[in-house]
Amino acid sequence: MLRRATTQRSGKGAAIALLAGLLAAGAAYGAVRTLSGSGHQPKSLSVGAARPRLPRPRITARPDAQTTSPIATFRLTDGAPRVEFRCSLDASTWRACGRTVTYAAVETGTHRFSARVVRPGAQQSRVAFFIWTVDAPVPPPVIPTGPPFEIAQSGPPPLLYPGAGPSPLPVTLSNPNPDQIQVTSLSVAVTAGPTGCDPRANVSIEPSPVSSADHLVIPAGGTLPVTAAQAPTIELVESGRNQDACRGGSFSLSFNGSAI
């Protein structure tokens, strides 16, 4: 019959054995404690935690998702101090960038802008990105100008008085073409006035009533005086303000029209 051998210790040797047992048990369970202080109260050893990831930057300004502009500007903000920005366009190499990033010649197609923040020590944030498409610009429509013709003032301009009503402008049309033409529109604009007399506030103009349905015919190589009923009109309106600056002055006019 076997008997279990026992060893008894006392005094200082027993305390050392007890401490060794505690250290072994702590190692087995992953928690190491030391005895400290006069009362030998256990004190935990602190283990350093992993550093939190930097917050990703926010893209606060960007181009439209669908645009024809080859220029793309982005603005970035971050939520952590002492960081630097890194940017990439279409999976290109990450490069240092500022808070405002501009690409001046973006080709047509779909593109991806990416940004992140980094801090010395290889710590970096998750990536913020924006995808947009640059369409080819639409060419302006071609507006046919029609055959050329001339519009000239054919008489002295009318005298204008505030509140007198519209006055027809005497004009004559000339056709330098070898075929007759049909004038479908005729208008006038005031380009300048006396000093202190703003034409926008003091003058009212109306285009000629001619149209494609009610046109003017000018014979080949000929001229056509426009009747008062078909001429553009001009009027000095009664504005209710002091219009002395308009008295005795003159206005510069510009005529325009179209023909087929």
C-alpha atoms as a PDB file:
ATOM      1  CA  MET A   1       0.000   0.000   0.000  1.00  0.00           C
ATOM      2  CA  LEU A   2       1.393   3.313  -1.195  1.00  0.00           C
ATOM      3  CA  ARG A   3       1.334   6.375   1.000  1.00  0.00           C
ATOM      4  CA  ARG A   4       1.405   9.981  -0.322  1.00  0.00           C
ATOM      5  CA  ALA A   5       4.474  11.733   0.858  1.00  0.00           C
ATOM      6  CA  THR A   6       3.860  15.088   2.469  1.00  0.00           C
ATOM      7  CA  THR A   7       6.229  17.870   3.172  1.00  0.00           C
ATOM      8  CA  GLN A   8       5.609  20.430   5.825  1.00  0.00           C
ATOM      9  CA  ARG A   9       7.179  23.779   5.783  1.00  0.00           C
ATOM     10  CA  SER A  10       6.981  26.586   8.230  1.00  0.00           C
ATOM     11  CA  GLY A  11       8.105  30.144   8.572  1.00  0.00           C
ATOM     12  CA  LYS A  12       9.762  31.866   5.628  1.00  0.00           C
ATOM     13  CA  GLY A  13       9.977  28.745   3.492  1.00  0.00           C
ATOM     14  CA  ALA A  14       6.180  28.289   3.640  1.00  0.00           C
ATOM     15  CA  ALA A  15       5.578  31.883   2.439  1.00  0.00           C
ATOM     16  CA  ILE A  16       7.847  31.363  -0.575  1.00  0.00           C
ATOM     17  CA  ALA A  17       6.046  28.162  -1.499  1.00  0.00           C
ATOM     18  CA  LEU A  18       2.649  29.891  -1.221  1.00  0.00           C
ATOM     19  CA  LEU A  19       3.768  32.763  -3.470  1.00  0.00           C
ATOM     20  CA  ALA A  20       5.072  30.316  -6.081  1.00  0.00           C
ATOM     21  CA  GLY A  21       1.751  28.541  -6.057  1.00  0.00           C
ATOM     22  CA  LEU A  22      -0.146  31.786  -6.562  1.00  0.00           C
ATOM     23  CA  LEU A  23       2.089  32.760  -9.480  1.00  0.00           C
ATOM     24  CA  ALA A  24       1.605  29.393 -11.107  1.00  0.00           C
ATOM     25  CA  ALA A  25      -2.159  29.556 -10.731  1.00  0.00           C
ATOM     26  CA  GLY A  26      -2.252  33.066 -12.114  1.00  0.00           C
ATOM     27  CA  ALA A  27      -0.216  32.051 -15.144  1.00  0.00           C
ATOM     28  CA  ALA A  28      -2.602  29.168 -15.788  1.00  0.00           C
ATOM     29  CA  TYR A  29      -5.626  31.474 -15.890  1.00  0.00           C
ATOM     30  CA  GLY A  30      -4.022  34.383 -17.737  1.00  0.00           C
ATOM     31  CA  ALA A  31      -4.193  36.857 -14.836  1.00  0.00           C
ATOM     32  CA  VAL A  32      -0.960  37.716 -13.085  1.00  0.00           C
ATOM     33  CA  ARG A  33      -1.173  39.386  -9.698  1.00  0.00           C
ATOM     34  CA  THR A  34       1.561  40.596  -7.372  1.00  0.00           C
ATOM     35  CA  LEU A  35       1.518  41.169  -3.677  1.00  0.00           C
ATOM     36  CA  SER A  36       2.165  44.724  -2.657  1.00  0.00           C
ATOM     37  CA  GLY A  37       1.659  47.034   0.256  1.00  0.00           C
ATOM     38  CA  SER A  38       1.859  46.277   3.926  1.00  0.00           C
ATOM     39  CA  GLY A  39      -1.394  44.341   3.807  1.00  0.00           C
ATOM     40  CA  HIS A  40      -0.225  42.246   0.853  1.00  0.00           C
ATOM     41  CA  GLN A  41      -3.298  43.230  -1.228  1.00  0.00           C
ATOM     42  CA  PRO A  42      -3.217  41.851  -4.809  1.00  0.00           C
ATOM     43  CA  LYS A  43      -2.564  44.415  -7.560  1.00  0.00           C
ATOM     44  CA  SER A  44      -3.275  43.702 -11.260  1.00  0.00           C
ATOM     45  CA  LEU A  45      -0.639  44.300 -13.920  1.00  0.00           C
ATOM     46  CA  SER A  46      -1.949  46.565 -16.721  1.00  0.00           C
ATOM     47  CA  VAL A  47      -1.549  45.364 -20.306  1.00  0.00           C
ATOM     48  CA  GLY A  48      -1.367  48.030 -23.118  1.00  0.00           C
ATOM     49  CA  ALA A  49      -4.497  48.098 -25.357  1.00  0.00           C
ATOM     50  CA  ALA A  50      -4.354  48.453 -29.168  1.00  0.00           C
ATOM     51  CA  ARG A  51      -4.533  52.057 -30.412  1.00  0.00           C
ATOM     52  CA  PRO A  52      -7.940  52.976 -31.903  1.00  0.00           C
ATOM     53  CA  ARG A  53      -8.043  53.507 -35.664  1.00  0.00           C
ATOM     54  CA  LEU A  54      -8.052  57.116 -36.884  1.00  0.00           C
ATOM     55  CA  PRO A  55     -11.477  58.332 -38.051  1.00  0.00           C
ATOM     56  CA  ARG A  56     -11.795  58.500 -41.816  1.00  0.00           C
ATOM     57  CA  PRO A  57     -11.872  62.016 -43.371  1.00  0.00           C
ATOM     58  CA  ARG A  58     -15.092  63.574 -44.624  1.00  0.00           C
ATOM     59  CA  ILE A  59     -15.438  64.828 -48.210  1.00  0.00           C
ATOM     60  CA  THR A  60     -17.314  68.103 -47.711  1.00  0.00           C
ATOM     61  CA  ALA A  61     -17.113  69.445 -51.287  1.00  0.00           C
ATOM     62  CA  ARG A  62     -17.054  67.542 -54.557  1.00  0.00           C
ATOM     63  CA  PRO A  63     -18.194  67.812 -58.196  1.00  0.00           C
ATOM     64  CA  ASP A  64     -21.635  66.742 -59.362  1.00  0.00           C
ATOM     65  CA  ALA A  65     -22.086  63.017 -59.778  1.00  0.00           C
ATOM     66  CA  GLN A  66     -22.757  63.647 -63.485  1.00  0.00           C
ATOM     67  CA  THR A  67     -20.950  66.576 -65.107  1.00  0.00           C
ATOM     68  CA  THR A  68     -19.285  67.745 -68.312  1.00  0.00           C
ATOM     69  CA  SER A  69     -16.620  69.769 -66.513  1.00  0.00           C
ATOM     70  CA  PRO A  70     -13.035  68.405 -66.675  1.00  0.00           C
ATOM     71  CA  ILE A  71     -12.220  70.257 -63.437  1.00  0.00           C
ATOM     72  CA  ALA A  72     -12.901  68.464 -60.142  1.00  0.00           C
ATOM     73  CA  THR A  73     -12.345  70.075 -56.735  1.00  0.00           C
ATOM     74  CA  PHE A  74     -12.621  68.272 -53.398  1.00  0.00           C
ATOM     75  CA  ARG A  75     -12.434  69.581 -49.830  1.00  0.00           C
ATOM     76  CA  LEU A  76     -11.557  67.368 -46.873  1.00  0.00           C
ATOM     77  CA  THR A  77     -12.049  67.612 -43.114  1.00  0.00           C
ATOM     78  CA  ASP A  78     -10.694  65.290 -40.432  1.00  0.00           C
ATOM     79  CA  GLY A  79     -11.745  64.350 -36.912  1.00  0.00           C
ATOM     80  CA  ALA A  80      -8.315  63.883 -35.328  1.00  0.00           C
ATOM     81  CA  PRO A  81      -5.448  66.269 -34.532  1.00  0.00           C
ATOM     82  CA  ARG A  82      -1.955  66.171 -36.040  1.00  0.00           C
ATOM     83  CA  VAL A  83      -2.773  64.091 -39.078  1.00  0.00           C
ATOM     84  CA  GLU A  84      -1.871  64.328 -42.743  1.00  0.00           C
ATOM     85  CA  PHE A  85      -3.998  63.654 -45.803  1.00  0.00           C
ATOM     86  CA  ARG A  86      -3.247  61.138 -48.544  1.00  0.00           C
ATOM     87  CA  CYS A  87      -5.217  61.185 -51.814  1.00  0.00           C
ATOM     88  CA  SER A  88      -5.549  58.967 -54.866  1.00  0.00           C
ATOM     89  CA  LEU A  89      -7.377  59.323 -58.188  1.00  0.00           C
ATOM     90  CA  ASP A  90      -8.490  56.162 -59.994  1.00  0.00           C
ATOM     91  CA  ALA A  91      -6.315  53.807 -57.912  1.00  0.00           C
ATOM     92  CA  SER A  92      -3.143  55.805 -58.576  1.00  0.00           C
ATOM     93  CA  THR A  93      -0.306  55.980 -56.043  1.00  0.00           C
ATOM     94  CA  TRP A  94      -1.265  57.546 -52.728  1.00  0.00           C
ATOM     95  CA  ARG A  95       0.212  61.039 -52.476  1.00  0.00           C
ATOM     96  CA  ALA A  96       0.280  63.706 -49.797  1.00  0.00           C
ATOM     97  CA  CYS A  97      -2.473  66.288 -50.360  1.00  0.00           C
ATOM     98  CA  GLY A  98      -4.012  69.271 -48.607  1.00  0.00           C
ATOM     99  CA  ARG A  99      -7.524  69.958 -47.421  1.00  0.00           C
ATOM    100  CA  THR A 100      -8.429  71.222 -50.918  1.00  0.00           C
ATOM    101  CA  VAL A 101      -7.593  69.024 -53.897  1.00  0.00           C
ATOM    102  CA  THR A 102      -8.171  70.067 -57.532  1.00  0.00           C
ATOM    103  CA  TYR A 103      -7.778  67.992 -60.685  1.00  0.00           C
ATOM    104  CA  ALA A 104      -7.753  70.293 -63.722  1.00  0.00           C
ATOM    105  CA  ALA A 105      -7.913  67.864 -66.661  1.00  0.00           C
ATOM    106  CA  VAL A 106     -10.127  64.900 -65.823  1.00  0.00           C
ATOM    107  CA  GLU A 107     -10.913  62.849 -68.910  1.00  0.00           C
ATOM    108  CA  THR A 108     -14.404  61.722 -69.888  1.00  0.00           C
ATOM    109  CA  GLY A 109     -15.555  58.574 -68.109  1.00  0.00           C
ATOM    110  CA  THR A 110     -16.181  57.367 -64.547  1.00  0.00           C
ATOM    111  CA  HIS A 111     -13.632  58.248 -61.874  1.00  0.00           C
ATOM    112  CA  ARG A 112     -13.004  57.475 -58.192  1.00  0.00           C
ATOM    113  CA  PHE A 113     -11.412  59.897 -55.748  1.00  0.00           C
ATOM    114  CA  SER A 114     -10.071  58.360 -52.523  1.00  0.00           C
ATOM    115  CA  ALA A 115      -8.715  60.011 -49.364  1.00  0.00           C
ATOM    116  CA  ARG A 116      -7.487  58.925 -45.951  1.00  0.00           C
ATOM    117  CA  VAL A 117      -5.575  60.426 -43.016  1.00  0.00           C
ATOM    118  CA  VAL A 118      -2.312  59.153 -41.605  1.00  0.00           C
ATOM    119  CA  ARG A 119      -0.282  59.868 -38.495  1.00  0.00           C
ATOM    120  CA  PRO A 120       3.463  59.292 -38.038  1.00  0.00           C
ATOM    121  CA  GLY A 121       3.980  55.720 -36.895  1.00  0.00           C
ATOM    122  CA  ALA A 122       2.121  54.037 -39.773  1.00  0.00           C
ATOM    123  CA  GLN A 123      -1.311  54.619 -38.206  1.00  0.00           C
ATOM    124  CA  GLN A 124      -3.947  55.390 -40.879  1.00  0.00           C
ATOM    125  CA  SER A 125      -7.706  55.667 -41.272  1.00  0.00           C
ATOM    126  CA  ARG A 126     -10.175  53.835 -43.425  1.00  0.00           C
ATOM    127  CA  VAL A 127     -10.657  55.250 -46.936  1.00  0.00           C
ATOM    128  CA  ALA A 128     -13.312  57.835 -47.867  1.00  0.00           C
ATOM    129  CA  PHE A 129     -14.171  57.929 -51.561  1.00  0.00           C
ATOM    130  CA  PHE A 130     -16.437  59.553 -54.163  1.00  0.00           C
ATOM    131  CA  ILE A 131     -17.344  58.284 -57.647  1.00  0.00           C
ATOM    132  CA  TRP A 132     -18.449  60.609 -60.435  1.00  0.00           C
ATOM    133  CA  THR A 133     -18.785  60.618 -64.228  1.00  0.00           C
ATOM    134  CA  VAL A 134     -17.466  63.209 -66.679  1.00  0.00           C
ATOM    135  CA  ASP A 135     -19.537  63.307 -69.873  1.00  0.00           C
ATOM    136  CA  ALA A 136     -18.351  64.735 -73.161  1.00  0.00           C
ATOM    137  CA  PRO A 137     -19.589  68.325 -73.557  1.00  0.00           C
ATOM    138  CA  VAL A 138     -22.592  68.759 -75.809  1.00  0.00           C
ATOM    139  CA  PRO A 139     -21.762  71.027 -78.758  1.00  0.00           C
ATOM    140  CA  PRO A 140     -23.986  74.103 -79.027  1.00  0.00           C
ATOM    141  CA  PRO A 141     -26.757  73.858 -81.585  1.00  0.00           C
ATOM    142  CA  VAL A 142     -26.053  75.329 -84.977  1.00  0.00           C
ATOM    143  CA  ILE A 143     -28.457  78.205 -85.542  1.00  0.00           C
ATOM    144  CA  PRO A 144     -28.923  79.010 -89.217  1.00  0.00           C
ATOM    145  CA  THR A 145     -28.356  82.678 -89.876  1.00  0.00           C
ATOM    146  CA  GLY A 146     -30.122  82.806 -93.210  1.00  0.00           C
ATOM    147  CA  PRO A 147     -29.146  85.130 -96.024  1.00  0.00           C
ATOM    148  CA  PRO A 148     -27.600  88.477 -95.056  1.00  0.00           C
ATOM    149  CA  PHE A 149     -29.501  91.730 -95.360  1.00  0.00           C
ATOM    150  CA  GLU A 150     -29.013  95.267 -94.111  1.00  0.00           C
ATOM    151  CA  ILE A 151     -31.128  97.361 -91.737  1.00  0.00           C
ATOM    152  CA  ALA A 152     -30.600 101.116 -91.812  1.00  0.00           C
ATOM    153  CA  GLN A 153     -32.326 104.095 -90.262  1.00  0.00           C
ATOM    154  CA  SER A 154     -34.033 105.895 -93.115  1.00  0.00           C
ATOM    155  CA  GLY A 155     -35.154 109.129 -91.527  1.00  0.00           C
ATOM    156  CA  PRO A 156     -34.799 111.426 -88.538  1.00  0.00           C
ATOM    157  CA  PRO A 157     -35.470 109.692 -85.219  1.00  0.00           C
ATOM    158  CA  PRO A 158     -38.719 110.538 -83.464  1.00  0.00           C
ATOM    159  CA  LEU A 159     -38.810 113.073 -80.642  1.00  0.00           C
ATOM    160  CA  LEU A 160     -39.581 111.376 -77.362  1.00  0.00           C
ATOM    161  CA  TYR A 161     -41.659 112.777 -74.504  1.00  0.00           C
ATOM    162  CA  PRO A 162     -42.481 111.041 -71.243  1.00  0.00           C
ATOM    163  CA  GLY A 163     -45.902 109.418 -71.496  1.00  0.00           C
ATOM    164  CA  ALA A 164     -46.359 110.276 -75.213  1.00  0.00           C
ATOM    165  CA  GLY A 165     -46.610 106.619 -76.214  1.00  0.00           C
ATOM    166  CA  PRO A 166     -44.538 104.474 -78.593  1.00  0.00           C
ATOM    167  CA  SER A 167     -43.116 105.953 -81.812  1.00  0.00           C
ATOM    168  CA  PRO A 168     -42.201 103.851 -84.893  1.00  0.00           C
ATOM    169  CA  LEU A 169     -38.572 103.898 -85.970  1.00  0.00           C
ATOM    170  CA  PRO A 170     -38.032 104.693 -89.671  1.00  0.00           C
ATOM    171  CA  VAL A 171     -35.931 101.876 -91.143  1.00  0.00           C
ATOM    172  CA  THR A 172     -35.189 100.541 -94.634  1.00  0.00           C
ATOM    173  CA  LEU A 173     -34.176  96.974 -95.462  1.00  0.00           C
ATOM    174  CA  SER A 174     -31.684  96.144 -98.239  1.00  0.00           C
ATOM    175  CA  ASN A 175     -31.188  92.757 -99.910  1.00  0.00           C
ATOM    176  CA  PRO A 176     -27.744  92.198-101.490  1.00  0.00           C
ATOM    177  CA  ASN A 177     -28.604  88.600-102.495  1.00  0.00           C
ATOM    178  CA  PRO A 178     -29.380  87.531-106.086  1.00  0.00           C
ATOM    179  CA  ASP A 179     -32.728  86.124-104.908  1.00  0.00           C
ATOM    180  CA  GLN A 180     -35.576  87.660-102.990  1.00  0.00           C
ATOM    181  CA  ILE A 181     -35.669  87.041 -99.256  1.00  0.00           C
ATOM    182  CA  GLN A 182     -38.358  86.975 -96.610  1.00  0.00           C
ATOM    183  CA  VAL A 183     -37.678  88.903 -93.397  1.00  0.00           C
ATOM    184  CA  THR A 184     -39.252  87.020 -90.471  1.00  0.00           C
ATOM    185  CA  SER A 185     -38.116  89.145 -87.508  1.00  0.00           C
ATOM    186  CA  LEU A 186     -36.957  92.701 -86.879  1.00  0.00           C
ATOM    187  CA  SER A 187     -35.968  94.128 -83.507  1.00  0.00           C
ATOM    188  CA  VAL A 188     -34.074  97.028 -81.919  1.00  0.00           C
ATOM    189  CA  ALA A 189     -32.043  97.490 -78.738  1.00  0.00           C
ATOM    190  CA  VAL A 190     -30.886 100.631 -76.920  1.00  0.00           C
ATOM    191  CA  THR A 191     -27.123 100.386 -76.417  1.00  0.00           C
ATOM    192  CA  ALA A 192     -26.433 103.786 -74.767  1.00  0.00           C
ATOM    193  CA  GLY A 193     -28.149 106.936 -73.515  1.00  0.00           C
ATOM    194  CA  PRO A 194     -27.396 110.392 -72.128  1.00  0.00           C
ATOM    195  CA  THR A 195     -25.326 110.604 -68.969  1.00  0.00           C
ATOM    196  CA  GLY A 196     -27.574 110.065 -65.966  1.00  0.00           C
ATOM    197  CA  CYS A 197     -30.457 108.763 -68.095  1.00  0.00           C
ATOM    198  CA  ASP A 198     -30.468 104.978 -67.756  1.00  0.00           C
ATOM    199  CA  PRO A 199     -32.205 103.465 -70.827  1.00  0.00           C
ATOM    200  CA  ARG A 200     -33.288 100.440 -68.789  1.00  0.00           C
ATOM    201  CA  ALA A 201     -35.379 102.664 -66.513  1.00  0.00           C
ATOM    202  CA  ASN A 202     -36.493 105.311 -69.013  1.00  0.00           C
ATOM    203  CA  VAL A 203     -36.932 103.652 -72.419  1.00  0.00           C
ATOM    204  CA  SER A 204     -39.332 100.983 -73.621  1.00  0.00           C
ATOM    205  CA  ILE A 205     -38.837  99.266 -76.990  1.00  0.00           C
ATOM    206  CA  GLU A 206     -40.963  96.802 -78.935  1.00  0.00           C
ATOM    207  CA  PRO A 207     -39.872  94.604 -81.860  1.00  0.00           C
ATOM    208  CA  SER A 208     -41.565  94.627 -85.256  1.00  0.00           C
ATOM    209  CA  PRO A 209     -44.686  92.437 -85.499  1.00  0.00           C
ATOM    210  CA  VAL A 210     -43.322  90.686 -88.608  1.00  0.00           C
ATOM    211  CA  SER A 211     -43.006  86.890 -88.332  1.00  0.00           C
ATOM    212  CA  SER A 212     -42.672  83.806 -90.491  1.00  0.00           C
ATOM    213  CA  ALA A 213     -46.445  83.916 -90.998  1.00  0.00           C
ATOM    214  CA  ASP A 214     -46.498  87.686 -91.697  1.00  0.00           C
ATOM    215  CA  HIS A 215     -43.112  88.370 -93.275  1.00  0.00           C
ATOM    216  CA  LEU A 216     -41.619  91.158 -95.364  1.00  0.00           C
ATOM    217  CA  VAL A 217     -40.422  90.361 -98.892  1.00  0.00           C
ATOM    218  CA  ILE A 218     -37.348  92.176-100.225  1.00  0.00           C
ATOM    219  CA  PRO A 219     -36.694  91.721-103.957  1.00  0.00           C
ATOM    220  CA  ALA A 220     -33.311  90.507-105.185  1.00  0.00           C
ATOM    221  CA  GLY A 221     -30.803  93.337-104.982  1.00  0.00           C
ATOM    222  CA  GLY A 222     -33.540  95.703-103.850  1.00  0.00           C
ATOM    223  CA  THR A 223     -34.650  97.721-100.838  1.00  0.00           C
ATOM    224  CA  LEU A 224     -37.837  97.936 -98.801  1.00  0.00           C
ATOM    225  CA  PRO A 225     -38.907 100.830 -96.540  1.00  0.00           C
ATOM    226  CA  VAL A 226     -40.658  99.419 -93.490  1.00  0.00           C
ATOM    227  CA  THR A 227     -44.057 100.927 -92.833  1.00  0.00           C
ATOM    228  CA  ALA A 228     -44.891 102.472 -89.472  1.00  0.00           C
ATOM    229  CA  ALA A 229     -47.227  99.557 -88.724  1.00  0.00           C
ATOM    230  CA  GLN A 230     -44.403  97.049 -89.234  1.00  0.00           C
ATOM    231  CA  ALA A 231     -41.521  98.998 -87.721  1.00  0.00           C
ATOM    232  CA  PRO A 232     -40.035  98.521 -84.244  1.00  0.00           C
ATOM    233  CA  THR A 233     -41.135 101.183 -81.742  1.00  0.00           C
ATOM    234  CA  ILE A 234     -39.457 103.215 -79.002  1.00  0.00           C
ATOM    235  CA  GLU A 235     -41.026 105.078 -76.070  1.00  0.00           C
ATOM    236  CA  LEU A 236     -39.776 107.349 -73.299  1.00  0.00           C
ATOM    237  CA  VAL A 237     -41.736 106.086 -70.307  1.00  0.00           C
ATOM    238  CA  GLU A 238     -43.061 108.317 -67.547  1.00  0.00           C
ATOM    239  CA  SER A 239     -41.176 106.861 -64.598  1.00  0.00           C
ATOM    240  CA  GLY A 240     -42.445 109.236 -61.909  1.00  0.00           C
ATOM    241  CA  ARG A 241     -38.867 110.267 -61.148  1.00  0.00           C
ATOM    242  CA  ASN A 242     -36.811 113.263 -62.193  1.00  0.00           C
ATOM    243  CA  GLN A 243     -35.951 112.689 -65.873  1.00  0.00           C
ATOM    244  CA  ASP A 244     -34.176 115.987 -66.580  1.00  0.00           C
ATOM    245  CA  ALA A 245     -31.011 114.045 -67.470  1.00  0.00           C
ATOM    246  CA  CYS A 246     -32.843 112.612 -70.504  1.00  0.00           C
ATOM    247  CA  ARG A 247     -33.855 116.044 -71.842  1.00  0.00           C
ATOM    248  CA  GLY A 248     -32.146 116.990 -75.111  1.00  0.00           C
ATOM    249  CA  GLY A 249     -30.164 113.766 -75.188  1.00  0.00           C
ATOM    250  CA  SER A 250     -30.013 110.978 -77.723  1.00  0.00           C
ATOM    251  CA  PHE A 251     -29.954 107.197 -77.580  1.00  0.00           C
ATOM    252  CA  SER A 252     -27.829 104.768 -79.565  1.00  0.00           C
ATOM    253  CA  LEU A 253     -29.770 101.980 -81.251  1.00  0.00           C
ATOM    254  CA  SER A 254     -28.829  98.583 -82.622  1.00  0.00           C
ATOM    255  CA  PHE A 255     -31.044  96.724 -85.125  1.00  0.00           C
ATOM    256  CA  ASN A 256     -31.253  92.987 -85.640  1.00  0.00           C
ATOM    257  CA  GLY A 257     -33.359  90.632 -87.735  1.00  0.00           C
ATOM    258  CA  SER A 258     -33.617  87.270 -89.489  1.00  0.00           C
ATOM    259  CA  ALA A 259     -34.622  86.171 -92.958  1.00  0.00           C
ATOM    260  CA  ILE A 260     -35.121  83.086 -95.117  1.00  0.00           C
END
